[in-house]
């Protein structure tokens, strides 16, 4: 679902070059799902190799991270752990959406409605254990460390920013702001135009950064009150939110009444959800083990073996991307040598 804070938040623009030599904690599942949704064929089919193995996730992770590494961004990927029991309802809801989208996709293919099929296919993505392990493998070969979160990946990423381990989180969702992340970057490496679903128009997409303290200043709320705004709208732990309450109304109510318990018109509904437990999840997230984060050099030979030999990627494209990274690293080292000589 993803928490909708967009109507009450004013992000700032940022360029990838401004992230050079900064650590960015990437929400792994959010990112991989993006690739599974968007890296597809003309009728919505996932990319596969000759053996029928899905490769969309590997393609996205390899080419995007090669670009970011060339820009000297220090990446750490954060993988979700065991979901909180309160999230099970949202997980079931997402599963049902995937099933319905899959039925519509196959029907559209049968009827030759390929544009509709492409649209429906984006909501059918399923992340398997095999994809997760392959994702961790390509990250390791690229020299990019990953962290296994005890529960929510965004909570672990937010913790890293609060501890000064990472400069920012990176995700398309806003949840890390409720978890207290110092900063959130959206649209990481995405720039240019993106088609609006179901409409024949395009919008400009650029990377943007959201500062936690700036959000509090803009909304005139405390962190605890911002969490209450999220609960009113609907989080992964209470996906329905409260009927008739969107982001702007939620902000107005918390500004006026201070906290959920003081809002008279929601008292009956409030008694039906574990709002205090939800608050605790956001305000006191489990800390990840971040003692062994190490940034390594990419293993170029093993990357080619894995992607080109095992997964049937184009050798020309893969080696071309690797050469661009090598050139970027060489130019960076030459600049450092000139600085110290």
C-alpha atoms as a PDB file:
ATOM      1  CA  UNK A   1       0.000   0.000   0.000  1.00  0.00           C
ATOM      2  CA  UNK A   2       2.563   2.571   1.071  1.00  0.00           C
ATOM      3  CA  UNK A   3       1.781   5.514   3.318  1.00  0.00           C
ATOM      4  CA  UNK A   4       0.465   8.536   1.391  1.00  0.00           C
ATOM      5  CA  UNK A   5       2.121  11.694   2.751  1.00  0.00           C
ATOM      6  CA  UNK A   6       2.646  13.377  -0.612  1.00  0.00           C
ATOM      7  CA  UNK A   7      -0.155  15.989  -0.253  1.00  0.00           C
ATOM      8  CA  UNK A   8       1.351  17.396   2.974  1.00  0.00           C
ATOM      9  CA  UNK A   9       5.075  17.174   2.211  1.00  0.00           C
ATOM     10  CA  UNK A  10       7.228  19.525   0.150  1.00  0.00           C
ATOM     11  CA  UNK A  11      10.349  17.704  -1.080  1.00  0.00           C
ATOM     12  CA  UNK A  12      13.486  19.358  -2.381  1.00  0.00           C
ATOM     13  CA  UNK A  13      15.265  18.425  -5.591  1.00  0.00           C
ATOM     14  CA  UNK A  14      18.617  16.644  -5.473  1.00  0.00           C
ATOM     15  CA  UNK A  15      21.066  15.364  -8.072  1.00  0.00           C
ATOM     16  CA  UNK A  16      22.869  12.052  -7.957  1.00  0.00           C
ATOM     17  CA  UNK A  17      26.213  13.873  -7.986  1.00  0.00           C
ATOM     18  CA  UNK A  18      25.269  15.466  -4.643  1.00  0.00           C
ATOM     19  CA  UNK A  19      25.241  11.979  -3.123  1.00  0.00           C
ATOM     20  CA  UNK A  20      28.871  11.271  -4.029  1.00  0.00           C
ATOM     21  CA  UNK A  21      30.717   9.576  -1.158  1.00  0.00           C
ATOM     22  CA  UNK A  22      27.529   9.465   0.936  1.00  0.00           C
ATOM     23  CA  UNK A  23      26.007   6.266   2.313  1.00  0.00           C
ATOM     24  CA  UNK A  24      22.451   5.616   1.134  1.00  0.00           C
ATOM     25  CA  UNK A  25      20.408   2.848   2.796  1.00  0.00           C
ATOM     26  CA  UNK A  26      18.184   1.400   0.066  1.00  0.00           C
ATOM     27  CA  UNK A  27      14.858  -0.303   0.774  1.00  0.00           C
ATOM     28  CA  UNK A  28      15.670  -3.536  -1.079  1.00  0.00           C
ATOM     29  CA  UNK A  29      12.185  -5.013  -1.457  1.00  0.00           C
ATOM     30  CA  UNK A  30      10.709  -1.692  -2.579  1.00  0.00           C
ATOM     31  CA  UNK A  31      13.431  -1.362  -5.212  1.00  0.00           C
ATOM     32  CA  UNK A  32      13.248  -4.943  -6.486  1.00  0.00           C
ATOM     33  CA  UNK A  33       9.465  -4.739  -6.788  1.00  0.00           C
ATOM     34  CA  UNK A  34       9.955  -1.621  -8.937  1.00  0.00           C
ATOM     35  CA  UNK A  35      12.108  -3.634 -11.322  1.00  0.00           C
ATOM     36  CA  UNK A  36       9.677  -6.552 -11.419  1.00  0.00           C
ATOM     37  CA  UNK A  37       6.843  -4.138 -12.203  1.00  0.00           C
ATOM     38  CA  UNK A  38       8.576  -2.067 -14.873  1.00  0.00           C
ATOM     39  CA  UNK A  39      11.237  -4.230 -16.559  1.00  0.00           C
ATOM     40  CA  UNK A  40       8.920  -6.251 -18.769  1.00  0.00           C
ATOM     41  CA  UNK A  41       8.324  -7.058 -22.394  1.00  0.00           C
ATOM     42  CA  UNK A  42       5.821  -5.315 -24.724  1.00  0.00           C
ATOM     43  CA  UNK A  43       2.851  -7.387 -23.502  1.00  0.00           C
ATOM     44  CA  UNK A  44       3.844  -7.325 -19.826  1.00  0.00           C
ATOM     45  CA  UNK A  45       5.896 -10.503 -19.669  1.00  0.00           C
ATOM     46  CA  UNK A  46       8.854 -10.592 -17.275  1.00  0.00           C
ATOM     47  CA  UNK A  47      12.350 -10.878 -18.734  1.00  0.00           C
ATOM     48  CA  UNK A  48      13.630 -14.452 -18.679  1.00  0.00           C
ATOM     49  CA  UNK A  49      16.691 -16.337 -19.879  1.00  0.00           C
ATOM     50  CA  UNK A  50      16.817 -19.409 -22.113  1.00  0.00           C
ATOM     51  CA  UNK A  51      16.014 -21.672 -19.152  1.00  0.00           C
ATOM     52  CA  UNK A  52      12.916 -19.643 -18.245  1.00  0.00           C
ATOM     53  CA  UNK A  53      14.469 -18.053 -15.140  1.00  0.00           C
ATOM     54  CA  UNK A  54      13.159 -14.559 -14.371  1.00  0.00           C
ATOM     55  CA  UNK A  55      15.905 -11.939 -14.780  1.00  0.00           C
ATOM     56  CA  UNK A  56      14.074  -8.580 -14.520  1.00  0.00           C
ATOM     57  CA  UNK A  57      15.305  -8.046 -10.943  1.00  0.00           C
ATOM     58  CA  UNK A  58      18.908  -8.797 -11.858  1.00  0.00           C
ATOM     59  CA  UNK A  59      18.818  -6.477 -14.854  1.00  0.00           C
ATOM     60  CA  UNK A  60      17.505  -3.611 -12.736  1.00  0.00           C
ATOM     61  CA  UNK A  61      19.915  -4.156  -9.867  1.00  0.00           C
ATOM     62  CA  UNK A  62      22.950  -4.485 -12.118  1.00  0.00           C
ATOM     63  CA  UNK A  63      22.450  -1.512 -14.428  1.00  0.00           C
ATOM     64  CA  UNK A  64      21.069   0.898 -11.817  1.00  0.00           C
ATOM     65  CA  UNK A  65      23.801   0.131  -9.297  1.00  0.00           C
ATOM     66  CA  UNK A  66      26.552   0.308 -11.897  1.00  0.00           C
ATOM     67  CA  UNK A  67      25.348   3.853 -12.604  1.00  0.00           C
ATOM     68  CA  UNK A  68      25.263   4.791  -8.917  1.00  0.00           C
ATOM     69  CA  UNK A  69      28.668   3.251  -8.197  1.00  0.00           C
ATOM     70  CA  UNK A  70      30.100   5.223 -11.104  1.00  0.00           C
ATOM     71  CA  UNK A  71      28.759   8.351  -9.363  1.00  0.00           C
ATOM     72  CA  UNK A  72      30.577   7.263  -6.163  1.00  0.00           C
ATOM     73  CA  UNK A  73      27.366   6.691  -4.179  1.00  0.00           C
ATOM     74  CA  UNK A  74      27.994   4.258  -1.302  1.00  0.00           C
ATOM     75  CA  UNK A  75      25.001   1.928  -1.252  1.00  0.00           C
ATOM     76  CA  UNK A  76      23.726  -0.433   1.440  1.00  0.00           C
ATOM     77  CA  UNK A  77      20.655  -2.525   0.671  1.00  0.00           C
ATOM     78  CA  UNK A  78      18.266  -3.316   3.525  1.00  0.00           C
ATOM     79  CA  UNK A  79      16.173  -6.496   3.264  1.00  0.00           C
ATOM     80  CA  UNK A  80      12.956  -7.025   5.198  1.00  0.00           C
ATOM     81  CA  UNK A  81      12.887  -9.537   8.022  1.00  0.00           C
ATOM     82  CA  UNK A  82       9.882 -11.166   9.661  1.00  0.00           C
ATOM     83  CA  UNK A  83       6.776  -8.989   9.252  1.00  0.00           C
ATOM     84  CA  UNK A  84       5.011  -7.687  12.336  1.00  0.00           C
ATOM     85  CA  UNK A  85       1.761  -9.648  12.937  1.00  0.00           C
ATOM     86  CA  UNK A  86      -0.162  -6.381  12.507  1.00  0.00           C
ATOM     87  CA  UNK A  87       1.017  -6.287   8.889  1.00  0.00           C
ATOM     88  CA  UNK A  88      -0.549  -9.615   7.944  1.00  0.00           C
ATOM     89  CA  UNK A  89      -3.837  -8.006   6.909  1.00  0.00           C
ATOM     90  CA  UNK A  90      -1.996  -5.701   4.493  1.00  0.00           C
ATOM     91  CA  UNK A  91       0.000  -8.648   3.128  1.00  0.00           C
ATOM     92  CA  UNK A  92      -3.262 -10.527   2.491  1.00  0.00           C
ATOM     93  CA  UNK A  93      -4.715  -7.451   0.780  1.00  0.00           C
ATOM     94  CA  UNK A  94      -1.711  -7.180  -1.533  1.00  0.00           C
ATOM     95  CA  UNK A  95      -1.906 -10.888  -2.338  1.00  0.00           C
ATOM     96  CA  UNK A  96      -5.551 -10.522  -3.356  1.00  0.00           C
ATOM     97  CA  UNK A  97      -4.708  -7.538  -5.582  1.00  0.00           C
ATOM     98  CA  UNK A  98      -2.008  -9.612  -7.323  1.00  0.00           C
ATOM     99  CA  UNK A  99      -4.443 -12.468  -7.919  1.00  0.00           C
ATOM    100  CA  UNK A 100      -7.074 -10.156  -9.404  1.00  0.00           C
ATOM    101  CA  UNK A 101      -4.494  -8.384 -11.567  1.00  0.00           C
ATOM    102  CA  UNK A 102      -3.182 -11.732 -12.788  1.00  0.00           C
ATOM    103  CA  UNK A 103      -6.675 -12.801 -13.877  1.00  0.00           C
ATOM    104  CA  UNK A 104      -7.195  -9.507 -15.733  1.00  0.00           C
ATOM    105  CA  UNK A 105      -3.752  -9.819 -17.327  1.00  0.00           C
ATOM    106  CA  UNK A 106      -4.408 -13.290 -18.745  1.00  0.00           C
ATOM    107  CA  UNK A 107      -7.849 -12.241 -19.964  1.00  0.00           C
ATOM    108  CA  UNK A 108      -6.377  -9.192 -21.713  1.00  0.00           C
ATOM    109  CA  UNK A 109      -3.717 -11.373 -23.380  1.00  0.00           C
ATOM    110  CA  UNK A 110      -6.383 -13.821 -24.551  1.00  0.00           C
ATOM    111  CA  UNK A 111      -8.456 -10.981 -26.019  1.00  0.00           C
ATOM    112  CA  UNK A 112      -5.465  -9.307 -27.658  1.00  0.00           C
ATOM    113  CA  UNK A 113      -5.660  -6.168 -25.491  1.00  0.00           C
ATOM    114  CA  UNK A 114      -1.896  -5.926 -25.098  1.00  0.00           C
ATOM    115  CA  UNK A 115      -1.766  -2.368 -23.755  1.00  0.00           C
ATOM    116  CA  UNK A 116      -4.177  -3.348 -20.990  1.00  0.00           C
ATOM    117  CA  UNK A 117      -2.158  -6.497 -20.383  1.00  0.00           C
ATOM    118  CA  UNK A 118       0.992  -4.421 -19.885  1.00  0.00           C
ATOM    119  CA  UNK A 119      -0.851  -2.260 -17.352  1.00  0.00           C
ATOM    120  CA  UNK A 120      -2.261  -5.198 -15.371  1.00  0.00           C
ATOM    121  CA  UNK A 121       1.065  -7.044 -15.405  1.00  0.00           C
ATOM    122  CA  UNK A 122       2.718  -4.380 -13.239  1.00  0.00           C
ATOM    123  CA  UNK A 123       0.498  -5.334 -10.293  1.00  0.00           C
ATOM    124  CA  UNK A 124       1.193  -9.077 -10.545  1.00  0.00           C
ATOM    125  CA  UNK A 125       4.808  -9.104  -9.330  1.00  0.00           C
ATOM    126  CA  UNK A 126       5.776 -11.773  -6.802  1.00  0.00           C
ATOM    127  CA  UNK A 127       9.165 -11.716  -5.101  1.00  0.00           C
ATOM    128  CA  UNK A 128      10.360 -15.271  -4.494  1.00  0.00           C
ATOM    129  CA  UNK A 129      13.049 -16.561  -2.139  1.00  0.00           C
ATOM    130  CA  UNK A 130      15.161 -17.411  -5.186  1.00  0.00           C
ATOM    131  CA  UNK A 131      14.943 -13.819  -6.455  1.00  0.00           C
ATOM    132  CA  UNK A 132      15.979 -12.514  -3.033  1.00  0.00           C
ATOM    133  CA  UNK A 133      19.021 -14.783  -2.935  1.00  0.00           C
ATOM    134  CA  UNK A 134      19.984 -13.864  -6.512  1.00  0.00           C
ATOM    135  CA  UNK A 135      19.589 -10.176  -5.640  1.00  0.00           C
ATOM    136  CA  UNK A 136      21.923 -10.564  -2.674  1.00  0.00           C
ATOM    137  CA  UNK A 137      24.402 -12.387  -4.918  1.00  0.00           C
ATOM    138  CA  UNK A 138      24.602  -9.656  -7.571  1.00  0.00           C
ATOM    139  CA  UNK A 139      24.925  -7.001  -4.856  1.00  0.00           C
ATOM    140  CA  UNK A 140      27.805  -8.920  -3.270  1.00  0.00           C
ATOM    141  CA  UNK A 141      29.542  -9.289  -6.648  1.00  0.00           C
ATOM    142  CA  UNK A 142      29.183  -5.526  -7.148  1.00  0.00           C
ATOM    143  CA  UNK A 143      30.822  -4.945  -3.756  1.00  0.00           C
ATOM    144  CA  UNK A 144      27.583  -3.558  -2.272  1.00  0.00           C
ATOM    145  CA  UNK A 145      26.839  -4.667   1.319  1.00  0.00           C
ATOM    146  CA  UNK A 146      23.375  -5.607   2.495  1.00  0.00           C
ATOM    147  CA  UNK A 147      21.723  -5.712   5.911  1.00  0.00           C
ATOM    148  CA  UNK A 148      19.086  -8.205   7.001  1.00  0.00           C
ATOM    149  CA  UNK A 149      16.562  -6.244   9.044  1.00  0.00           C
ATOM    150  CA  UNK A 150      14.910  -7.938  12.039  1.00  0.00           C
ATOM    151  CA  UNK A 151      11.523  -6.795  10.725  1.00  0.00           C
ATOM    152  CA  UNK A 152      10.685  -3.753   8.556  1.00  0.00           C
ATOM    153  CA  UNK A 153      13.463  -2.808   6.138  1.00  0.00           C
ATOM    154  CA  UNK A 154      12.494   0.870   6.226  1.00  0.00           C
ATOM    155  CA  UNK A 155      12.707   0.866  10.017  1.00  0.00           C
ATOM    156  CA  UNK A 156      16.244  -0.533   9.846  1.00  0.00           C
ATOM    157  CA  UNK A 157      17.235   1.995   7.172  1.00  0.00           C
ATOM    158  CA  UNK A 158      15.808   4.835   9.268  1.00  0.00           C
ATOM    159  CA  UNK A 159      17.791   3.600  12.276  1.00  0.00           C
ATOM    160  CA  UNK A 160      20.983   3.790  10.221  1.00  0.00           C
ATOM    161  CA  UNK A 161      20.368   7.442   9.387  1.00  0.00           C
ATOM    162  CA  UNK A 162      19.624   8.282  13.028  1.00  0.00           C
ATOM    163  CA  UNK A 163      22.876   6.602  14.076  1.00  0.00           C
ATOM    164  CA  UNK A 164      24.873   8.533  11.473  1.00  0.00           C
ATOM    165  CA  UNK A 165      25.740   5.323   9.591  1.00  0.00           C
ATOM    166  CA  UNK A 166      23.813   6.410   6.501  1.00  0.00           C
ATOM    167  CA  UNK A 167      23.113   9.855   5.074  1.00  0.00           C
ATOM    168  CA  UNK A 168      19.649   8.919   3.833  1.00  0.00           C
ATOM    169  CA  UNK A 169      17.139   6.175   3.144  1.00  0.00           C
ATOM    170  CA  UNK A 170      16.056   5.511  -0.433  1.00  0.00           C
ATOM    171  CA  UNK A 171      12.540   4.280  -1.173  1.00  0.00           C
ATOM    172  CA  UNK A 172       9.454   5.237  -3.150  1.00  0.00           C
ATOM    173  CA  UNK A 173       7.334   4.907   0.004  1.00  0.00           C
ATOM    174  CA  UNK A 174       7.132   7.482   2.785  1.00  0.00           C
ATOM    175  CA  UNK A 175       7.096   5.043   5.710  1.00  0.00           C
ATOM    176  CA  UNK A 176      10.718   5.679   6.691  1.00  0.00           C
ATOM    177  CA  UNK A 177       9.745   9.259   7.619  1.00  0.00           C
ATOM    178  CA  UNK A 178       7.362   7.848  10.251  1.00  0.00           C
ATOM    179  CA  UNK A 179      10.184   5.602  11.442  1.00  0.00           C
ATOM    180  CA  UNK A 180      12.202   8.779  12.034  1.00  0.00           C
ATOM    181  CA  UNK A 181      14.655   8.668   9.136  1.00  0.00           C
ATOM    182  CA  UNK A 182      16.708  11.864   8.982  1.00  0.00           C
ATOM    183  CA  UNK A 183      16.251  11.927   5.220  1.00  0.00           C
ATOM    184  CA  UNK A 184      14.390  10.077   2.488  1.00  0.00           C
ATOM    185  CA  UNK A 185      15.344  10.051  -1.191  1.00  0.00           C
ATOM    186  CA  UNK A 186      12.673   9.167  -3.736  1.00  0.00           C
ATOM    187  CA  UNK A 187      13.163   8.493  -7.467  1.00  0.00           C
ATOM    188  CA  UNK A 188      16.787   7.486  -6.921  1.00  0.00           C
ATOM    189  CA  UNK A 189      18.464   7.588 -10.368  1.00  0.00           C
ATOM    190  CA  UNK A 190      15.060   8.001 -12.043  1.00  0.00           C
ATOM    191  CA  UNK A 191      14.966  11.032 -14.293  1.00  0.00           C
ATOM    192  CA  UNK A 192      13.145  11.968 -17.448  1.00  0.00           C
ATOM    193  CA  UNK A 193       9.543  11.217 -18.352  1.00  0.00           C
ATOM    194  CA  UNK A 194       7.198   8.532 -17.061  1.00  0.00           C
ATOM    195  CA  UNK A 195       3.857   7.573 -18.582  1.00  0.00           C
ATOM    196  CA  UNK A 196       0.831   8.184 -16.390  1.00  0.00           C
ATOM    197  CA  UNK A 197      -1.098   4.885 -15.991  1.00  0.00           C
ATOM    198  CA  UNK A 198      -4.254   4.665 -18.135  1.00  0.00           C
ATOM    199  CA  UNK A 199      -3.633   8.091 -19.647  1.00  0.00           C
ATOM    200  CA  UNK A 200      -1.856   9.252 -22.791  1.00  0.00           C
ATOM    201  CA  UNK A 201       0.399  11.713 -21.020  1.00  0.00           C
ATOM    202  CA  UNK A 202       3.820  11.836 -19.399  1.00  0.00           C
ATOM    203  CA  UNK A 203       5.180  13.559 -16.299  1.00  0.00           C
ATOM    204  CA  UNK A 204       8.710  14.682 -15.471  1.00  0.00           C
ATOM    205  CA  UNK A 205      10.408  12.552 -12.809  1.00  0.00           C
ATOM    206  CA  UNK A 206      13.513  13.712 -10.932  1.00  0.00           C
ATOM    207  CA  UNK A 207      15.212  12.566  -7.717  1.00  0.00           C
ATOM    208  CA  UNK A 208      13.920  14.343  -4.612  1.00  0.00           C
ATOM    209  CA  UNK A 209      14.907  14.477  -0.967  1.00  0.00           C
ATOM    210  CA  UNK A 210      12.703  14.853   2.095  1.00  0.00           C
ATOM    211  CA  UNK A 211      14.236  16.071   5.351  1.00  0.00           C
ATOM    212  CA  UNK A 212      12.572  14.768   8.523  1.00  0.00           C
ATOM    213  CA  UNK A 213      13.062  17.967  10.484  1.00  0.00           C
ATOM    214  CA  UNK A 214      11.793  20.005   7.562  1.00  0.00           C
ATOM    215  CA  UNK A 215       8.628  17.882   7.481  1.00  0.00           C
ATOM    216  CA  UNK A 216       8.059  18.589  11.176  1.00  0.00           C
ATOM    217  CA  UNK A 217       8.671  22.297  10.597  1.00  0.00           C
ATOM    218  CA  UNK A 218       6.346  22.403   7.571  1.00  0.00           C
ATOM    219  CA  UNK A 219       3.524  20.551   9.302  1.00  0.00           C
ATOM    220  CA  UNK A 220       4.114  22.135  12.738  1.00  0.00           C
ATOM    221  CA  UNK A 221       3.971  18.680  14.329  1.00  0.00           C
ATOM    222  CA  UNK A 222       6.132  16.571  16.611  1.00  0.00           C
ATOM    223  CA  UNK A 223       7.358  13.176  15.408  1.00  0.00           C
ATOM    224  CA  UNK A 224       4.739  11.467  17.591  1.00  0.00           C
ATOM    225  CA  UNK A 225       1.985  13.622  16.059  1.00  0.00           C
ATOM    226  CA  UNK A 226       3.225  12.839  12.544  1.00  0.00           C
ATOM    227  CA  UNK A 227       2.842   9.143  13.374  1.00  0.00           C
ATOM    228  CA  UNK A 228      -0.749   9.848  14.432  1.00  0.00           C
ATOM    229  CA  UNK A 229      -1.342  11.544  11.071  1.00  0.00           C
ATOM    230  CA  UNK A 230      -0.076   8.368   9.412  1.00  0.00           C
ATOM    231  CA  UNK A 231      -2.412   6.179  11.474  1.00  0.00           C
ATOM    232  CA  UNK A 232      -5.378   8.358  10.478  1.00  0.00           C
ATOM    233  CA  UNK A 233      -4.479   8.053   6.789  1.00  0.00           C
ATOM    234  CA  UNK A 234      -3.673   4.351   6.984  1.00  0.00           C
ATOM    235  CA  UNK A 235      -0.359   2.513   7.391  1.00  0.00           C
ATOM    236  CA  UNK A 236       0.724  -1.038   6.613  1.00  0.00           C
ATOM    237  CA  UNK A 237      -0.469  -1.897  10.133  1.00  0.00           C
ATOM    238  CA  UNK A 238      -3.972  -0.400   9.708  1.00  0.00           C
ATOM    239  CA  UNK A 239      -4.384  -0.241   5.919  1.00  0.00           C
ATOM    240  CA  UNK A 240      -7.978   1.017   5.921  1.00  0.00           C
ATOM    241  CA  UNK A 241      -7.134   4.121   7.942  1.00  0.00           C
ATOM    242  CA  UNK A 242     -10.247   6.073   8.922  1.00  0.00           C
ATOM    243  CA  UNK A 243     -13.156   6.561   6.546  1.00  0.00           C
ATOM    244  CA  UNK A 244     -13.212   9.939   4.853  1.00  0.00           C
ATOM    245  CA  UNK A 245      -9.852  11.042   6.240  1.00  0.00           C
ATOM    246  CA  UNK A 246      -7.071  11.785   3.761  1.00  0.00           C
ATOM    247  CA  UNK A 247      -3.651  13.386   4.343  1.00  0.00           C
ATOM    248  CA  UNK A 248      -4.831  17.014   4.506  1.00  0.00           C
ATOM    249  CA  UNK A 249      -7.771  16.242   6.821  1.00  0.00           C
ATOM    250  CA  UNK A 250      -5.549  14.086   9.030  1.00  0.00           C
ATOM    251  CA  UNK A 251      -3.037  16.913   9.343  1.00  0.00           C
ATOM    252  CA  UNK A 252      -5.787  19.385  10.216  1.00  0.00           C
ATOM    253  CA  UNK A 253      -7.240  17.089  12.882  1.00  0.00           C
ATOM    254  CA  UNK A 254      -3.921  16.424  14.633  1.00  0.00           C
ATOM    255  CA  UNK A 255      -3.021  20.107  14.531  1.00  0.00           C
ATOM    256  CA  UNK A 256      -6.368  20.907  16.143  1.00  0.00           C
ATOM    257  CA  UNK A 257      -6.648  18.091  18.687  1.00  0.00           C
ATOM    258  CA  UNK A 258      -3.028  17.141  19.334  1.00  0.00           C
ATOM    259  CA  UNK A 259      -3.436  13.351  19.269  1.00  0.00           C
ATOM    260  CA  UNK A 260      -5.777  10.572  18.192  1.00  0.00           C
ATOM    261  CA  UNK A 261      -7.460  10.134  21.571  1.00  0.00           C
ATOM    262  CA  UNK A 262      -8.730  13.720  21.565  1.00  0.00           C
ATOM    263  CA  UNK A 263     -10.607  13.473  18.246  1.00  0.00           C
ATOM    264  CA  UNK A 264     -14.223  12.913  19.253  1.00  0.00           C
ATOM    265  CA  UNK A 265     -15.560  11.822  15.850  1.00  0.00           C
ATOM    266  CA  UNK A 266     -13.177   8.856  15.545  1.00  0.00           C
ATOM    267  CA  UNK A 267     -13.451   7.497  19.111  1.00  0.00           C
ATOM    268  CA  UNK A 268     -15.667   4.542  18.167  1.00  0.00           C
ATOM    269  CA  UNK A 269     -13.426   3.583  15.245  1.00  0.00           C
ATOM    270  CA  UNK A 270     -10.267   4.164  17.275  1.00  0.00           C
ATOM    271  CA  UNK A 271     -11.331   1.609  19.859  1.00  0.00           C
ATOM    272  CA  UNK A 272     -11.281  -1.042  17.114  1.00  0.00           C
ATOM    273  CA  UNK A 273      -7.620  -0.719  16.154  1.00  0.00           C
ATOM    274  CA  UNK A 274      -4.420  -1.255  18.212  1.00  0.00           C
ATOM    275  CA  UNK A 275      -3.244   2.315  17.639  1.00  0.00           C
ATOM    276  CA  UNK A 276      -0.920   2.336  20.641  1.00  0.00           C
ATOM    277  CA  UNK A 277       0.902  -0.726  19.310  1.00  0.00           C
ATOM    278  CA  UNK A 278       1.164   0.917  15.883  1.00  0.00           C
ATOM    279  CA  UNK A 279       2.624   4.037  17.463  1.00  0.00           C
ATOM    280  CA  UNK A 280       5.170   1.884  19.278  1.00  0.00           C
ATOM    281  CA  UNK A 281       6.222   0.163  16.042  1.00  0.00           C
ATOM    282  CA  UNK A 282       7.072   3.524  14.445  1.00  0.00           C
ATOM    283  CA  UNK A 283       8.537   5.218  17.518  1.00  0.00           C
ATOM    284  CA  UNK A 284      10.552   2.248  18.830  1.00  0.00           C
ATOM    285  CA  UNK A 285      11.593   0.131  15.834  1.00  0.00           C
ATOM    286  CA  UNK A 286      13.884  -2.873  16.244  1.00  0.00           C
ATOM    287  CA  UNK A 287      17.559  -2.044  15.688  1.00  0.00           C
ATOM    288  CA  UNK A 288      19.386  -4.008  12.956  1.00  0.00           C
ATOM    289  CA  UNK A 289      22.862  -5.506  13.249  1.00  0.00           C
ATOM    290  CA  UNK A 290      25.055  -3.036  11.353  1.00  0.00           C
ATOM    291  CA  UNK A 291      28.455  -3.958  12.776  1.00  0.00           C
ATOM    292  CA  UNK A 292      29.739  -5.742   9.665  1.00  0.00           C
ATOM    293  CA  UNK A 293      29.022  -3.280   6.857  1.00  0.00           C
ATOM    294  CA  UNK A 294      31.915  -3.325   4.397  1.00  0.00           C
ATOM    295  CA  UNK A 295      32.183  -1.703   0.969  1.00  0.00           C
ATOM    296  CA  UNK A 296      34.206  -3.909  -1.385  1.00  0.00           C
ATOM    297  CA  UNK A 297      35.459  -3.713  -4.947  1.00  0.00           C
ATOM    298  CA  UNK A 298      33.338  -5.292  -7.653  1.00  0.00           C
ATOM    299  CA  UNK A 299      34.293  -8.793  -8.810  1.00  0.00           C
ATOM    300  CA  UNK A 300      34.087  -8.211 -12.559  1.00  0.00           C
ATOM    301  CA  UNK A 301      34.951 -11.736 -13.651  1.00  0.00           C
ATOM    302  CA  UNK A 302      32.315 -13.302 -11.393  1.00  0.00           C
ATOM    303  CA  UNK A 303      29.719 -10.740 -12.539  1.00  0.00           C
ATOM    304  CA  UNK A 304      30.261 -11.782 -16.165  1.00  0.00           C
ATOM    305  CA  UNK A 305      30.135 -15.468 -15.224  1.00  0.00           C
ATOM    306  CA  UNK A 306      26.890 -15.023 -13.275  1.00  0.00           C
ATOM    307  CA  UNK A 307      25.025 -12.694 -15.620  1.00  0.00           C
ATOM    308  CA  UNK A 308      26.336 -13.731 -19.038  1.00  0.00           C
ATOM    309  CA  UNK A 309      27.079 -17.434 -18.674  1.00  0.00           C
ATOM    310  CA  UNK A 310      24.539 -18.494 -16.033  1.00  0.00           C
ATOM    311  CA  UNK A 311      21.740 -16.018 -16.786  1.00  0.00           C
ATOM    312  CA  UNK A 312      22.314 -15.431 -20.535  1.00  0.00           C
ATOM    313  CA  UNK A 313      22.663 -11.642 -20.371  1.00  0.00           C
ATOM    314  CA  UNK A 314      24.210  -9.892 -23.366  1.00  0.00           C
ATOM    315  CA  UNK A 315      27.971 -10.047 -22.912  1.00  0.00           C
ATOM    316  CA  UNK A 316      28.423  -6.812 -24.879  1.00  0.00           C
ATOM    317  CA  UNK A 317      25.971  -4.871 -22.686  1.00  0.00           C
ATOM    318  CA  UNK A 318      27.326  -6.246 -19.408  1.00  0.00           C
ATOM    319  CA  UNK A 319      30.988  -5.722 -20.270  1.00  0.00           C
ATOM    320  CA  UNK A 320      30.154  -2.281 -21.685  1.00  0.00           C
ATOM    321  CA  UNK A 321      28.561  -1.259 -18.376  1.00  0.00           C
ATOM    322  CA  UNK A 322      31.525  -2.661 -16.449  1.00  0.00           C
ATOM    323  CA  UNK A 323      33.962  -0.706 -18.612  1.00  0.00           C
ATOM    324  CA  UNK A 324      32.071   2.520 -17.880  1.00  0.00           C
ATOM    325  CA  UNK A 325      32.381   1.820 -14.147  1.00  0.00           C
ATOM    326  CA  UNK A 326      36.088   1.025 -14.475  1.00  0.00           C
ATOM    327  CA  UNK A 327      36.636   4.262 -16.405  1.00  0.00           C
ATOM    328  CA  UNK A 328      34.792   6.267 -13.765  1.00  0.00           C
ATOM    329  CA  UNK A 329      36.871   4.704 -10.984  1.00  0.00           C
ATOM    330  CA  UNK A 330      40.095   5.330 -12.915  1.00  0.00           C
ATOM    331  CA  UNK A 331      39.205   9.002 -13.475  1.00  0.00           C
ATOM    332  CA  UNK A 332      38.366   9.373  -9.794  1.00  0.00           C
ATOM    333  CA  UNK A 333      41.702   7.849  -8.749  1.00  0.00           C
ATOM    334  CA  UNK A 334      43.598  10.126 -11.148  1.00  0.00           C
ATOM    335  CA  UNK A 335      41.859  13.150  -9.641  1.00  0.00           C
ATOM    336  CA  UNK A 336      42.867  12.026  -6.149  1.00  0.00           C
ATOM    337  CA  UNK A 337      46.475  11.505  -7.273  1.00  0.00           C
ATOM    338  CA  UNK A 338      46.631  15.011  -8.728  1.00  0.00           C
ATOM    339  CA  UNK A 339      45.203  16.423  -5.496  1.00  0.00           C
ATOM    340  CA  UNK A 340      47.931  14.848  -3.333  1.00  0.00           C
ATOM    341  CA  UNK A 341      50.877  15.462  -5.661  1.00  0.00           C
END
